[in-house]
C-alpha atoms as a PDB file:
ATOM      1  CA  MET A   1     147.474  59.521 130.606  1.00  0.00           C
ATOM      2  CA  PHE A   2     147.163  58.525 133.953  1.00  0.00           C
ATOM      3  CA  CYS A   3     147.298  55.280 135.493  1.00  0.00           C
ATOM      4  CA  SER A   4     145.765  56.475 139.070  1.00  0.00           C
ATOM      5  CA  LEU A   5     144.563  59.301 140.834  1.00  0.00           C
ATOM      6  CA  ASP A   6     148.038  59.662 142.645  1.00  0.00           C
ATOM      7  CA  ASP A   7     149.229  59.942 138.798  1.00  0.00           C
ATOM      8  CA  LEU A   8     147.399  62.738 138.119  1.00  0.00           C
ATOM      9  CA  LYS A   9     147.363  64.699 141.202  1.00  0.00           C
ATOM     10  CA  SER A  10     151.162  64.508 140.905  1.00  0.00           C
ATOM     11  CA  ALA A  11     151.104  65.922 137.384  1.00  0.00           C
ATOM     12  CA  LEU A  12     148.157  68.863 138.587  1.00  0.00           C
ATOM     13  CA  GLU A  13     150.344  69.431 141.772  1.00  0.00           C
ATOM     14  CA  ASP A  14     153.436  70.014 139.307  1.00  0.00           C
ATOM     15  CA  TRP A  15     151.904  72.022 136.375  1.00  0.00           C
ATOM     16  CA  ILE A  16     150.630  74.361 139.184  1.00  0.00           C
ATOM     17  CA  LYS A  17     153.985  74.642 141.053  1.00  0.00           C
ATOM     18  CA  VAL A  18     155.677  75.732 137.362  1.00  0.00           C
ATOM     19  CA  TRP A  19     152.409  78.318 136.887  1.00  0.00           C
ATOM     20  CA  ILE A  20     153.102  79.998 140.021  1.00  0.00           C
ATOM     21  CA  ASP A  21     156.799  79.599 139.696  1.00  0.00           C
ATOM     22  CA  GLN A  22     156.303  81.973 136.340  1.00  0.00           C
ATOM     23  CA  ALA A  23     153.301  83.518 136.916  1.00  0.00           C
ATOM     24  CA  ARG A  24     153.085  87.550 136.212  1.00  0.00           C
ATOM     25  CA  PRO A  25     150.671  90.155 136.347  1.00  0.00           C
ATOM     26  CA  PHE A  26     147.664  90.260 133.807  1.00  0.00           C
ATOM     27  CA  THR A  27     147.438  93.475 132.087  1.00  0.00           C
ATOM     28  CA  TRP A  28     143.937  94.719 131.709  1.00  0.00           C
ATOM     29  CA  THR A  29     143.570  96.363 128.083  1.00  0.00           C
ATOM     30  CA  LYS A  30     139.911  97.656 128.994  1.00  0.00           C
ATOM     31  CA  THR A  31     138.562  99.617 131.061  1.00  0.00           C
ATOM     32  CA  ALA A  32     135.895  98.638 134.372  1.00  0.00           C
ATOM     33  CA  ASP A  33     133.499 100.534 132.324  1.00  0.00           C
ATOM     34  CA  GLN A  34     134.591  98.823 129.084  1.00  0.00           C
ATOM     35  CA  ILE A  35     133.855  95.206 130.229  1.00  0.00           C
ATOM     36  CA  LEU A  36     130.880  95.751 131.884  1.00  0.00           C
ATOM     37  CA  ASP A  37     129.036  97.530 129.140  1.00  0.00           C
ATOM     38  CA  ARG A  38     130.134  94.436 126.763  1.00  0.00           C
ATOM     39  CA  ILE A  39     128.610  91.953 129.678  1.00  0.00           C
ATOM     40  CA  CYS A  40     125.182  94.050 129.366  1.00  0.00           C
ATOM     41  CA  ARG A  41     125.082  94.345 125.702  1.00  0.00           C
ATOM     42  CA  TYR A  42     125.819  90.658 126.048  1.00  0.00           C
ATOM     43  CA  CYS A  43     123.162  89.731 128.645  1.00  0.00           C
ATOM     44  CA  SER A  44     120.354  91.799 126.119  1.00  0.00           C
ATOM     45  CA  ARG A  45     121.118  89.886 123.058  1.00  0.00           C
ATOM     46  CA  ILE A  46     120.870  86.759 125.095  1.00  0.00           C
ATOM     47  CA  SER A  47     117.655  87.443 127.087  1.00  0.00           C
ATOM     48  CA  GLU A  48     115.685  88.521 123.231  1.00  0.00           C
ATOM     49  CA  PRO A  49     112.871  85.805 123.160  1.00  0.00           C
ATOM     50  CA  ALA A  50     114.249  83.882 120.067  1.00  0.00           C
ATOM     51  CA  HIS A  51     113.422  84.432 115.966  1.00  0.00           C
END
């Protein structure tokens, strides 16, 4: 719980510093084509009329 905006700001800045210090590269497990295919299928599904 934060009692002031300054406390919140300080906590966020501390968290960001830790995050950056411990950063490591993200390893993609799917190809760009697989990701785009999944997005297209999702968009098709949500754009269909409701039953």
